Amino acid sequence: MSSPKNIQSLIDDINQVLPQSDLAQKQVLERVRSYLQTQNQEEQTAV
């Protein structure tokens, strides 16, 4: 399992790249980000 810190850092990276992305990239990145945020919340509640 990846630590919440790694997940949060990935989410931050996605947020930085999103404004420069084209539409297709945005859709993929937003899906990945929402998946990561879900994982992050599950790991925090599991602790």
C-alpha atoms as a PDB file:
ATOM      1  CA  MET A   1       0.000   0.000   0.000  1.00  0.00           C
ATOM      2  CA  SER A   2       1.241   3.477  -0.770  1.00  0.00           C
ATOM      3  CA  SER A   3       1.291   5.950   2.075  1.00  0.00           C
ATOM      4  CA  PRO A   4      -1.199   8.833   2.122  1.00  0.00           C
ATOM      5  CA  LYS A   5       1.742  11.235   1.743  1.00  0.00           C
ATOM      6  CA  ASN A   6       2.697   9.637  -1.607  1.00  0.00           C
ATOM      7  CA  ILE A   7      -0.916   9.769  -2.751  1.00  0.00           C
ATOM      8  CA  GLN A   8      -1.241  13.416  -1.722  1.00  0.00           C
ATOM      9  CA  SER A   9       1.948  14.280  -3.575  1.00  0.00           C
ATOM     10  CA  LEU A  10       0.565  12.612  -6.715  1.00  0.00           C
ATOM     11  CA  ILE A  11      -2.675  14.564  -6.350  1.00  0.00           C
ATOM     12  CA  ASP A  12      -0.642  17.773  -6.045  1.00  0.00           C
ATOM     13  CA  ASP A  13       1.302  16.882  -9.203  1.00  0.00           C
ATOM     14  CA  ILE A  14      -1.946  16.274 -11.089  1.00  0.00           C
ATOM     15  CA  ASN A  15      -3.334  19.613  -9.902  1.00  0.00           C
ATOM     16  CA  GLN A  16      -0.227  21.388 -11.218  1.00  0.00           C
ATOM     17  CA  VAL A  17      -0.399  19.715 -14.632  1.00  0.00           C
ATOM     18  CA  LEU A  18      -4.167  19.980 -15.174  1.00  0.00           C
ATOM     19  CA  PRO A  19      -4.281  23.637 -16.301  1.00  0.00           C
ATOM     20  CA  GLN A  20      -1.761  22.920 -19.084  1.00  0.00           C
ATOM     21  CA  SER A  21      -3.463  19.733 -20.275  1.00  0.00           C
ATOM     22  CA  ASP A  22      -5.722  19.299 -23.268  1.00  0.00           C
ATOM     23  CA  LEU A  23      -9.259  17.983 -22.855  1.00  0.00           C
ATOM     24  CA  ALA A  24      -8.451  14.280 -23.188  1.00  0.00           C
ATOM     25  CA  GLN A  25      -5.581  14.530 -20.710  1.00  0.00           C
ATOM     26  CA  LYS A  26      -7.775  16.496 -18.301  1.00  0.00           C
ATOM     27  CA  GLN A  27     -10.426  13.783 -18.322  1.00  0.00           C
ATOM     28  CA  VAL A  28      -7.890  11.060 -17.570  1.00  0.00           C
ATOM     29  CA  LEU A  29      -6.095  13.105 -14.910  1.00  0.00           C
ATOM     30  CA  GLU A  30      -9.357  14.007 -13.185  1.00  0.00           C
ATOM     31  CA  ARG A  31     -10.355  10.335 -13.068  1.00  0.00           C
ATOM     32  CA  VAL A  32      -6.971   9.371 -11.640  1.00  0.00           C
ATOM     33  CA  ARG A  33      -7.159  12.205  -9.126  1.00  0.00           C
ATOM     34  CA  SER A  34     -10.617  11.218  -7.935  1.00  0.00           C
ATOM     35  CA  TYR A  35      -9.485   7.580  -7.600  1.00  0.00           C
ATOM     36  CA  LEU A  36      -6.437   8.667  -5.593  1.00  0.00           C
ATOM     37  CA  GLN A  37      -8.535  10.877  -3.328  1.00  0.00           C
ATOM     38  CA  THR A  38     -10.833   7.919  -2.631  1.00  0.00           C
ATOM     39  CA  GLN A  39      -7.842   5.724  -1.803  1.00  0.00           C
ATOM     40  CA  ASN A  40      -6.433   8.461   0.406  1.00  0.00           C
ATOM     41  CA  GLN A  41      -9.661   8.758   2.399  1.00  0.00           C
ATOM     42  CA  GLU A  42      -9.955   4.989   2.832  1.00  0.00           C
ATOM     43  CA  GLU A  43      -6.408   4.756   4.165  1.00  0.00           C
ATOM     44  CA  GLN A  44      -6.966   7.616   6.587  1.00  0.00           C
ATOM     45  CA  THR A  45     -10.145   6.046   7.967  1.00  0.00           C
ATOM     46  CA  ALA A  46      -8.422   2.658   8.219  1.00  0.00           C
ATOM     47  CA  VAL A  47      -5.746   4.033  10.550  1.00  0.00           C
END
